[in-house]
Every structure is written in structure tokens, then in C-alpha cells.
C-alpha atoms as a PDB file:
ATOM      1  CA  MET A   1     -35.262 -17.032 -33.880  1.00  0.00           C
ATOM      2  CA  LYS A   2     -35.238 -17.247 -29.865  1.00  0.00           C
ATOM      3  CA  ASP A   3     -32.866 -20.253 -30.160  1.00  0.00           C
ATOM      4  CA  GLU A   4     -30.464 -18.530 -32.292  1.00  0.00           C
ATOM      5  CA  ILE A   5     -30.629 -14.885 -29.938  1.00  0.00           C
ATOM      6  CA  HIS A   6     -29.962 -17.272 -27.009  1.00  0.00           C
ATOM      7  CA  ASN A   7     -26.895 -19.073 -28.333  1.00  0.00           C
ATOM      8  CA  SER A   8     -25.742 -15.765 -29.321  1.00  0.00           C
ATOM      9  CA  SER A   9     -25.876 -14.551 -25.937  1.00  0.00           C
ATOM     10  CA  LEU A  10     -24.072 -17.655 -24.704  1.00  0.00           C
ATOM     11  CA  ILE A  11     -21.318 -17.068 -27.301  1.00  0.00           C
ATOM     12  CA  ILE A  12     -20.498 -13.360 -26.143  1.00  0.00           C
ATOM     13  CA  HIS A  13     -20.777 -14.495 -22.627  1.00  0.00           C
ATOM     14  CA  ASN A  14     -18.335 -17.533 -23.141  1.00  0.00           C
ATOM     15  CA  PHE A  15     -16.221 -15.090 -24.948  1.00  0.00           C
ATOM     16  CA  GLU A  16     -16.049 -12.527 -22.435  1.00  0.00           C
ATOM     17  CA  GLY A  17     -15.609 -14.724 -19.851  1.00  0.00           C
ATOM     18  CA  ASP A  18     -12.636 -16.085 -21.684  1.00  0.00           C
ATOM     19  CA  THR A  19     -11.193 -12.745 -22.588  1.00  0.00           C
ATOM     20  CA  LEU A  20     -11.356 -11.671 -18.269  1.00  0.00           C
ATOM     21  CA  LEU A  21      -9.818 -15.142 -17.529  1.00  0.00           C
ATOM     22  CA  LYS A  22      -6.598 -14.938 -19.968  1.00  0.00           C
ATOM     23  CA  ARG A  23      -6.263 -10.867 -18.844  1.00  0.00           C
ATOM     24  CA  SER A  24      -6.381 -12.239 -15.146  1.00  0.00           C
ATOM     25  CA  TYR A  25      -3.485 -15.015 -16.094  1.00  0.00           C
ATOM     26  CA  VAL A  26      -1.176 -12.195 -17.873  1.00  0.00           C
ATOM     27  CA  VAL A  27      -1.892  -9.751 -14.478  1.00  0.00           C
ATOM     28  CA  LEU A  28      -1.036 -12.663 -12.171  1.00  0.00           C
ATOM     29  CA  GLU A  29       2.017 -13.873 -14.111  1.00  0.00           C
ATOM     30  CA  ALA A  30       3.331 -10.139 -13.197  1.00  0.00           C
ATOM     31  CA  LEU A  31       1.960  -9.746  -9.958  1.00  0.00           C
ATOM     32  CA  ALA A  32       4.613 -11.379  -7.839  1.00  0.00           C
ATOM     33  CA  PRO A  33       7.392  -9.706  -9.709  1.00  0.00           C
ATOM     34  CA  VAL A  34       5.890  -6.176  -9.626  1.00  0.00           C
ATOM     35  CA  VAL A  35       5.247  -6.866  -6.019  1.00  0.00           C
ATOM     36  CA  ASP A  36       8.359  -7.809  -5.232  1.00  0.00           C
ATOM     37  CA  GLY A  37      10.059  -5.081  -7.458  1.00  0.00           C
ATOM     38  CA  THR A  38       8.244  -2.392  -5.076  1.00  0.00           C
ATOM     39  CA  ALA A  39       9.469  -4.044  -1.832  1.00  0.00           C
ATOM     40  CA  VAL A  40      13.159  -3.987  -3.543  1.00  0.00           C
ATOM     41  CA  LEU A  41      12.362  -0.158  -3.883  1.00  0.00           C
ATOM     42  CA  LEU A  42      10.925   0.501  -0.624  1.00  0.00           C
ATOM     43  CA  GLY A  43      13.812  -1.798   1.230  1.00  0.00           C
ATOM     44  CA  PHE A  44      16.367   0.392  -1.087  1.00  0.00           C
ATOM     45  CA  PHE A  45      14.696   3.887   0.560  1.00  0.00           C
ATOM     46  CA  PHE A  46      13.585   2.935   3.851  1.00  0.00           C
ATOM     47  CA  LEU A  47      15.636  -0.379   5.221  1.00  0.00           C
ATOM     48  CA  ALA A  48      18.769   1.693   6.798  1.00  0.00           C
ATOM     49  CA  ASP A  49      15.977   3.989   8.398  1.00  0.00           C
ATOM     50  CA  LEU A  50      14.180   1.002   9.521  1.00  0.00           C
ATOM     51  CA  SER A  51      16.844  -0.733  11.073  1.00  0.00           C
ATOM     52  CA  ALA A  52      18.304   2.252  12.760  1.00  0.00           C
ATOM     53  CA  TRP A  53      14.772   2.741  14.333  1.00  0.00           C
ATOM     54  CA  PHE A  54      14.709  -0.758  15.609  1.00  0.00           C
ATOM     55  CA  ALA A  55      18.124  -0.786  16.910  1.00  0.00           C
ATOM     56  CA  GLU A  56      16.612   1.856  20.092  1.00  0.00           C
ATOM     57  CA  ARG A  57      14.491  -0.801  21.885  1.00  0.00           C
ATOM     58  CA  ARG A  58      10.899   0.579  22.857  1.00  0.00           C
ATOM     59  CA  ALA A  59       7.358  -0.586  23.305  1.00  0.00           C
ATOM     60  CA  THR A  60       6.335   1.424  20.170  1.00  0.00           C
ATOM     61  CA  ASN A  61       8.590  -1.285  17.828  1.00  0.00           C
ATOM     62  CA  VAL A  62       6.781  -4.158  19.878  1.00  0.00           C
ATOM     63  CA  VAL A  63       3.459  -2.630  18.892  1.00  0.00           C
ATOM     64  CA  ALA A  64       4.285  -1.820  15.187  1.00  0.00           C
ATOM     65  CA  LEU A  65       5.627  -5.724  14.431  1.00  0.00           C
ATOM     66  CA  THR A  66       2.643  -6.974  16.360  1.00  0.00           C
ATOM     67  CA  LEU A  67       0.263  -4.943  13.847  1.00  0.00           C
ATOM     68  CA  VAL A  68       2.187  -6.198  11.011  1.00  0.00           C
ATOM     69  CA  TYR A  69       2.323  -9.812  12.095  1.00  0.00           C
ATOM     70  CA  PHE A  70      -1.762 -10.122  12.503  1.00  0.00           C
ATOM     71  CA  VAL A  71      -1.632  -8.200   8.738  1.00  0.00           C
ATOM     72  CA  PHE A  72       0.978 -11.013   8.018  1.00  0.00           C
ATOM     73  CA  CYS A  73      -0.965 -13.445   9.267  1.00  0.00           C
ATOM     74  CA  VAL A  74      -4.167 -12.139   7.244  1.00  0.00           C
ATOM     75  CA  ALA A  75      -2.069 -11.851   3.811  1.00  0.00           C
ATOM     76  CA  VAL A  76      -1.133 -16.011   4.123  1.00  0.00           C
ATOM     77  CA  TYR A  77      -4.416 -16.626   4.733  1.00  0.00           C
ATOM     78  CA  LEU A  78      -5.581 -15.113   2.065  1.00  0.00           C
ATOM     79  CA  ILE A  79      -2.807 -16.833  -0.281  1.00  0.00           C
ATOM     80  CA  ARG A  80      -4.069 -19.965   1.061  1.00  0.00           C
ATOM     81  CA  LYS A  81      -7.895 -19.151   0.225  1.00  0.00           C
ATOM     82  CA  LEU A  82      -6.917 -18.943  -3.458  1.00  0.00           C
ATOM     83  CA  GLU A  83      -7.990 -21.680  -6.026  1.00  0.00           C
ATOM     84  CA  PRO A  84      -5.186 -23.123  -7.815  1.00  0.00           C
ATOM     85  CA  GLN A  85      -4.207 -22.029 -11.487  1.00  0.00           C
ATOM     86  CA  LEU A  86      -3.338 -25.429 -12.734  1.00  0.00           C
ATOM     87  CA  THR A  87      -3.343 -26.766 -16.437  1.00  0.00           C
ATOM     88  CA  ALA A  88      -1.495 -30.132 -17.276  1.00  0.00           C
ATOM     89  CA  ALA A  89       1.440 -28.487 -18.511  1.00  0.00           C
ATOM     90  CA  GLU A  90       1.774 -26.218 -15.023  1.00  0.00           C
ATOM     91  CA  ALA A  91       1.003 -29.157 -12.559  1.00  0.00           C
ATOM     92  CA  LYS A  92       4.490 -30.758 -13.944  1.00  0.00           C
ATOM     93  CA  LEU A  93       6.057 -27.536 -12.191  1.00  0.00           C
ATOM     94  CA  THR A  94       4.348 -28.109  -8.621  1.00  0.00           C
ATOM     95  CA  ILE A  95       6.546 -28.762  -5.926  1.00  0.00           C
ATOM     96  CA  PRO A  96       7.048 -32.128  -3.878  1.00  0.00           C
ATOM     97  CA  GLU A  97       3.882 -32.875  -1.861  1.00  0.00           C
ATOM     98  CA  TRP A  98       5.395 -33.392   1.677  1.00  0.00           C
ATOM     99  CA  LEU A  99       6.662 -29.706   1.365  1.00  0.00           C
ATOM    100  CA  THR A 100       2.720 -28.655   1.716  1.00  0.00           C
ATOM    101  CA  ARG A 101       1.768 -31.347   4.130  1.00  0.00           C
ATOM    102  CA  ARG A 102       0.487 -30.203   7.231  1.00  0.00           C
ATOM    103  CA  PRO A 103       3.442 -31.702   9.630  1.00  0.00           C
ATOM    104  CA  SER A 104       5.767 -29.989   7.322  1.00  0.00           C
ATOM    105  CA  MET A 105       4.484 -26.527   7.405  1.00  0.00           C
ATOM    106  CA  THR A 106       3.873 -26.611  11.268  1.00  0.00           C
ATOM    107  CA  VAL A 107       7.279 -27.239  11.727  1.00  0.00           C
ATOM    108  CA  PHE A 108       7.937 -23.775   9.655  1.00  0.00           C
ATOM    109  CA  ALA A 109       5.219 -22.104  11.389  1.00  0.00           C
ATOM    110  CA  VAL A 110       6.644 -23.078  14.925  1.00  0.00           C
ATOM    111  CA  VAL A 111      10.136 -21.321  13.547  1.00  0.00           C
ATOM    112  CA  PHE A 112       8.822 -18.325  12.503  1.00  0.00           C
ATOM    113  CA  GLY A 113       6.617 -18.100  15.872  1.00  0.00           C
ATOM    114  CA  LEU A 114       9.365 -18.673  17.980  1.00  0.00           C
ATOM    115  CA  THR A 115      11.903 -16.236  16.110  1.00  0.00           C
ATOM    116  CA  LEU A 116       9.228 -13.830  16.067  1.00  0.00           C
ATOM    117  CA  ALA A 117       8.678 -14.128  20.011  1.00  0.00           C
ATOM    118  CA  VAL A 118      12.097 -13.886  20.520  1.00  0.00           C
ATOM    119  CA  LEU A 119      12.562 -10.706  18.505  1.00  0.00           C
ATOM    120  CA  LEU A 120       9.744  -9.023  20.463  1.00  0.00           C
ATOM    121  CA  LEU A 121      10.791  -9.975  24.072  1.00  0.00           C
ATOM    122  CA  ASN A 122      14.636  -8.475  22.601  1.00  0.00           C
ATOM    123  CA  GLN A 123      12.545  -5.079  22.001  1.00  0.00           C
ATOM    124  CA  LEU A 124      11.142  -4.852  25.264  1.00  0.00           C
ATOM    125  CA  GLY A 125      14.925  -5.794  27.073  1.00  0.00           C
ATOM    126  CA  TYR A 126      13.777  -8.823  28.361  1.00  0.00           C
ATOM    127  CA  TRP A 127      17.033 -11.038  27.994  1.00  0.00           C
ATOM    128  CA  GLU A 128      18.939  -8.520  29.513  1.00  0.00           C
ATOM    129  CA  SER A 129      16.721  -7.842  32.395  1.00  0.00           C
ATOM    130  CA  ILE A 130      16.283 -11.259  33.455  1.00  0.00           C
ATOM    131  CA  PHE A 131      19.816 -11.387  34.566  1.00  0.00           C
ATOM    132  CA  ILE A 132      19.410  -8.049  36.250  1.00  0.00           C
ATOM    133  CA  VAL A 133      16.166  -8.882  37.961  1.00  0.00           C
ATOM    134  CA  ASP A 134      16.616 -10.612  41.485  1.00  0.00           C
ATOM    135  CA  ASP A 135      14.103 -13.218  42.210  1.00  0.00           C
ATOM    136  CA  ARG A 136      14.589 -13.399  45.597  1.00  0.00           C
ATOM    137  CA  ARG A 137      13.283  -9.986  46.132  1.00  0.00           C
ATOM    138  CA  LEU A 138       9.779 -10.891  43.698  1.00  0.00           C
ATOM    139  CA  GLY A 139       6.889 -12.248  45.378  1.00  0.00           C
ATOM    140  CA  ALA A 140       5.715 -15.671  43.703  1.00  0.00           C
ATOM    141  CA  GLY A 141       3.056 -13.831  41.669  1.00  0.00           C
ATOM    142  CA  GLU A 142       5.414 -11.307  40.262  1.00  0.00           C
ATOM    143  CA  SER A 143       8.165 -14.160  39.531  1.00  0.00           C
ATOM    144  CA  SER A 144       5.819 -15.978  37.536  1.00  0.00           C
ATOM    145  CA  ALA A 145       4.427 -12.982  35.598  1.00  0.00           C
ATOM    146  CA  PHE A 146       8.171 -12.057  34.816  1.00  0.00           C
ATOM    147  CA  PHE A 147       9.322 -15.470  34.178  1.00  0.00           C
ATOM    148  CA  VAL A 148       6.668 -17.469  32.835  1.00  0.00           C
ATOM    149  CA  TYR A 149       3.075 -15.419  31.748  1.00  0.00           C
ATOM    150  CA  ALA A 150       5.159 -12.660  30.028  1.00  0.00           C
ATOM    151  CA  PRO A 151       6.974 -14.833  27.199  1.00  0.00           C
ATOM    152  CA  GLY A 152       4.394 -17.534  27.292  1.00  0.00           C
ATOM    153  CA  ALA A 153       2.119 -14.709  26.082  1.00  0.00           C
ATOM    154  CA  PHE A 154       4.190 -13.857  23.368  1.00  0.00           C
ATOM    155  CA  ILE A 155       5.018 -17.232  22.376  1.00  0.00           C
ATOM    156  CA  ALA A 156       1.352 -18.006  22.387  1.00  0.00           C
ATOM    157  CA  ALA A 157       0.343 -15.056  20.199  1.00  0.00           C
ATOM    158  CA  ALA A 158       3.345 -15.945  17.952  1.00  0.00           C
ATOM    159  CA  LEU A 159       2.391 -19.609  17.543  1.00  0.00           C
ATOM    160  CA  PHE A 160      -1.120 -18.497  16.061  1.00  0.00           C
ATOM    161  CA  TYR A 161       0.656 -18.719  12.672  1.00  0.00           C
ATOM    162  CA  ILE A 162       0.322 -22.786  13.029  1.00  0.00           C
ATOM    163  CA  LEU A 163      -3.106 -22.315  12.284  1.00  0.00           C
ATOM    164  CA  VAL A 164      -2.715 -19.520   9.564  1.00  0.00           C
ATOM    165  CA  LEU A 165       0.216 -21.563   7.521  1.00  0.00           C
ATOM    166  CA  SER A 166      -0.609 -25.323   8.078  1.00  0.00           C
ATOM    167  CA  ALA A 167      -4.593 -25.652   9.134  1.00  0.00           C
ATOM    168  CA  PRO A 168      -7.071 -27.220   6.192  1.00  0.00           C
ATOM    169  CA  THR A 169      -8.286 -24.028   4.259  1.00  0.00           C
ATOM    170  CA  ARG A 170     -11.011 -23.984   1.876  1.00  0.00           C
ATOM    171  CA  GLU A 171     -10.172 -22.790  -1.222  1.00  0.00           C
ATOM    172  CA  THR A 172     -13.058 -20.001  -1.787  1.00  0.00           C
ATOM    173  CA  ILE A 173     -11.508 -17.475  -3.906  1.00  0.00           C
ATOM    174  CA  LEU A 174     -12.237 -18.805  -7.300  1.00  0.00           C
ATOM    175  CA  VAL A 175      -9.915 -18.081 -10.516  1.00  0.00           C
ATOM    176  CA  ASN A 176     -12.703 -16.547 -12.182  1.00  0.00           C
ATOM    177  CA  SER A 177     -13.730 -14.335  -9.648  1.00  0.00           C
ATOM    178  CA  ARG A 178     -12.981 -10.262  -9.835  1.00  0.00           C
ATOM    179  CA  ARG A 179     -11.485 -10.238  -6.601  1.00  0.00           C
ATOM    180  CA  TYR A 180      -8.843 -13.144  -7.380  1.00  0.00           C
ATOM    181  CA  VAL A 181      -6.038 -10.687  -8.363  1.00  0.00           C
ATOM    182  CA  PRO A 182      -6.440  -7.964  -5.691  1.00  0.00           C
ATOM    183  CA  LEU A 183      -6.573 -10.525  -2.991  1.00  0.00           C
ATOM    184  CA  ALA A 184      -3.554 -12.026  -4.276  1.00  0.00           C
ATOM    185  CA  LEU A 185      -1.995  -8.960  -4.606  1.00  0.00           C
ATOM    186  CA  LEU A 186      -2.859  -8.040  -0.708  1.00  0.00           C
ATOM    187  CA  GLY A 187      -1.697 -11.449   0.117  1.00  0.00           C
ATOM    188  CA  LEU A 188       1.626 -10.992  -1.624  1.00  0.00           C
ATOM    189  CA  ALA A 189       2.273  -7.551  -0.305  1.00  0.00           C
ATOM    190  CA  GLY A 190       1.209  -8.308   3.253  1.00  0.00           C
ATOM    191  CA  VAL A 191       3.891 -11.181   3.396  1.00  0.00           C
ATOM    192  CA  ASN A 192       6.534  -8.533   1.874  1.00  0.00           C
ATOM    193  CA  GLY A 193       5.857  -6.220   4.130  1.00  0.00           C
ATOM    194  CA  MET A 194       6.335  -8.579   6.891  1.00  0.00           C
ATOM    195  CA  MET A 195       9.796  -9.422   5.410  1.00  0.00           C
ATOM    196  CA  LEU A 196      10.633  -5.617   5.167  1.00  0.00           C
ATOM    197  CA  LEU A 197      10.290  -5.209   8.622  1.00  0.00           C
ATOM    198  CA  LEU A 198      12.252  -8.368   9.886  1.00  0.00           C
ATOM    199  CA  THR A 199      14.811  -7.659   7.875  1.00  0.00           C
ATOM    200  CA  ALA A 200      15.482  -4.325   9.247  1.00  0.00           C
ATOM    201  CA  VAL A 201      15.144  -5.987  12.998  1.00  0.00           C
ATOM    202  CA  PHE A 202      17.834  -8.472  11.959  1.00  0.00           C
ATOM    203  CA  GLN A 203      19.940  -5.765  10.444  1.00  0.00           C
ATOM    204  CA  SER A 204      19.639  -3.663  13.898  1.00  0.00           C
ATOM    205  CA  LEU A 205      21.010  -6.871  15.428  1.00  0.00           C
ATOM    206  CA  HIS A 206      23.843  -6.733  13.078  1.00  0.00           C
ATOM    207  CA  LEU A 207      23.097 -10.437  11.904  1.00  0.00           C
ATOM    208  CA  PRO A 208      25.628 -11.316   9.116  1.00  0.00           C
ATOM    209  CA  TRP A 209      24.462 -11.892   5.470  1.00  0.00           C
ATOM    210  CA  TYR A 210      25.559 -15.431   5.743  1.00  0.00           C
ATOM    211  CA  LEU A 211      22.903 -15.967   8.523  1.00  0.00           C
ATOM    212  CA  LEU A 212      20.167 -13.658   7.587  1.00  0.00           C
ATOM    213  CA  LEU A 213      20.030 -14.903   4.078  1.00  0.00           C
ATOM    214  CA  PRO A 214      18.955 -18.546   5.066  1.00  0.00           C
ATOM    215  CA  THR A 215      16.864 -17.067   7.740  1.00  0.00           C
ATOM    216  CA  LEU A 216      14.677 -14.972   5.565  1.00  0.00           C
ATOM    217  CA  LEU A 217      14.407 -17.796   3.251  1.00  0.00           C
ATOM    218  CA  LEU A 218      13.245 -20.260   6.171  1.00  0.00           C
ATOM    219  CA  LEU A 219      10.450 -17.662   7.396  1.00  0.00           C
ATOM    220  CA  PHE A 220       9.297 -16.350   4.091  1.00  0.00           C
ATOM    221  CA  GLY A 221       9.936 -19.417   1.816  1.00  0.00           C
ATOM    222  CA  PRO A 222       6.601 -20.824   3.122  1.00  0.00           C
ATOM    223  CA  PRO A 223       3.890 -18.509   2.087  1.00  0.00           C
ATOM    224  CA  ARG A 224       5.528 -18.151  -1.371  1.00  0.00           C
ATOM    225  CA  VAL A 225       5.492 -22.245  -1.599  1.00  0.00           C
ATOM    226  CA  TRP A 226       1.540 -22.065  -0.837  1.00  0.00           C
ATOM    227  CA  TYR A 227       1.536 -18.805  -3.769  1.00  0.00           C
ATOM    228  CA  PHE A 228       3.428 -21.300  -5.839  1.00  0.00           C
ATOM    229  CA  VAL A 229       0.870 -23.596  -5.302  1.00  0.00           C
ATOM    230  CA  LYS A 230      -1.454 -21.572  -6.673  1.00  0.00           C
ATOM    231  CA  ARG A 231       0.244 -20.261  -9.417  1.00  0.00           C
ATOM    232  CA  PRO A 232       2.922 -22.535 -10.558  1.00  0.00           C
ATOM    233  CA  SER A 233       5.474 -20.457 -12.349  1.00  0.00           C
ATOM    234  CA  PHE A 234       9.115 -19.973 -12.047  1.00  0.00           C
ATOM    235  CA  LEU A 235       8.768 -16.396 -12.493  1.00  0.00           C
ATOM    236  CA  PRO A 236       7.747 -15.634  -8.903  1.00  0.00           C
ATOM    237  CA  VAL A 237       9.917 -18.086  -7.399  1.00  0.00           C
ATOM    238  CA  ILE A 238      13.184 -16.239  -9.047  1.00  0.00           C
ATOM    239  CA  SER A 239      11.526 -12.830  -7.921  1.00  0.00           C
ATOM    240  CA  PHE A 240      11.242 -14.263  -4.400  1.00  0.00           C
ATOM    241  CA  LEU A 241      14.855 -15.193  -4.354  1.00  0.00           C
ATOM    242  CA  LEU A 242      16.179 -11.824  -6.048  1.00  0.00           C
ATOM    243  CA  LEU A 243      13.905  -9.929  -3.683  1.00  0.00           C
ATOM    244  CA  THR A 244      15.738 -11.968  -0.613  1.00  0.00           C
ATOM    245  CA  LEU A 245      19.289 -11.320  -2.086  1.00  0.00           C
ATOM    246  CA  LEU A 246      18.638  -7.727  -2.666  1.00  0.00           C
ATOM    247  CA  LEU A 247      17.414  -7.165   0.682  1.00  0.00           C
ATOM    248  CA  VAL A 248      20.580  -8.752   2.149  1.00  0.00           C
ATOM    249  CA  VAL A 249      22.515  -6.777   0.091  1.00  0.00           C
ATOM    250  CA  ILE A 250      20.670  -3.749   0.484  1.00  0.00           C
ATOM    251  CA  GLY A 251      21.551  -3.601   4.374  1.00  0.00           C
END
């Protein structure tokens, strides 16, 4: 009798676990399109205002970009911590292995970091000031601080992204855990938030669409590659491509 009760409990427990896992799969299938669709709506309502805001260079812009950048790094880290959801059929949809290797991701991270450093320095008016400042009137310390240490600090902070995007990471957010979906949501939302902000910055610089489109794909494609590895499905890929295209069109 006790064995029958124990077996019945196991069956109920397994059934509840399978039901929870199936619901998780359904939610995750729709997660990326929903987050990307939300980003499109936010871009439609706020992208023009953000572009006008970044067109006026000020220190608060740098603070905002820096804060969102660190949120973005946490978001990418969360995506990388997700346990892959691979079945035999889904494994056929995975991308080439070389794309997720450390050297490839390091290159992508360096490009992102240097781009962000250039944009931050531009918001501070650094690129105009280097042609105005007379280094003959600066002392050795002031000259080094202006021409070396200041841009070096921004570049070093931006290249912190190398560790986030390419360093080995333990996948500790398990598929069958209740935190998998919320953390995946936070990861995707953080990446899209940074994408919206940098789109506004690029548009404030009047970057033409034929340069903006590949730039966004190059900068924000790698985090979505990691998400694709975790959840191999064409739906998140299509929604990301549509998001990128629509952000360029909206701008």
C-alpha cells in the first residue's frame, strides 16, 4: 500500500514537472518576439525624442549611457548563464561552432567596446576639443590626462564587455527552474534597452540607414547569437531582424 502511494506521488510529481516544463517552452517560444515587439513600440513613441536629447551633448548623456551599458552587461551575462534547451531536432538548427568560440566573440566585444568609447567621448565633446586645446600651454600631467588617461579610462571600461561576452561561463540557470523565464526576460530586455539607446545616439549623428542597419546587427547580433544557442528557434532570429529593420525605419 505504501509503495502504491509512493509511486502515485512520483507520477503526480513527474506530471507536474512535465507540465511546468511544457509551459516554460511555450512561454520561451513567445518571449523574444514579445520583448522585441515591445522594443519596437517604445522606439515608435520615444526614439525621436531620445535622438533629439542625445543631439545636445552633455554629461548627463554620458551618465545615462554608462548606466544602461552596465545593465546591458548584466543582461548579456544572464543570457549566457541560461542552460541550453536542445533536443535532437533542435540541435540541427544551431549555428556554426566558430561563431561562438572565444576569439570570434572577443572580436565582436572589442568592436562594441571601441564603438561605445567613441560615442561616450563624442558626447563629452572630446573629439572637437583635441583640435582646440593647445598642448603647449598644458603641463605634462594635464596633457597626459587629457590625451591619454581620459580616453583610456573610457576604452578600458567599455572593453569590460570582452569578459561578459567571451569569457567561459557556467550555465547555472536551469531550464526546469522557476527563475529561467524571468531571467531570460531580463536578459533580452536589457539587450534591447541598450539597442534602443544606441540607435538614438547613432540617429542623433545622422548615420545613414545603410550604415546604421549593419552597425546594429554587428553590435547586438552576438548577444542574440548566445540566446539562439540557448533556445534554437528561427522565431527569435526573425523577430530580432525585424526589430533591427523597424528601428532603422522608425528613425
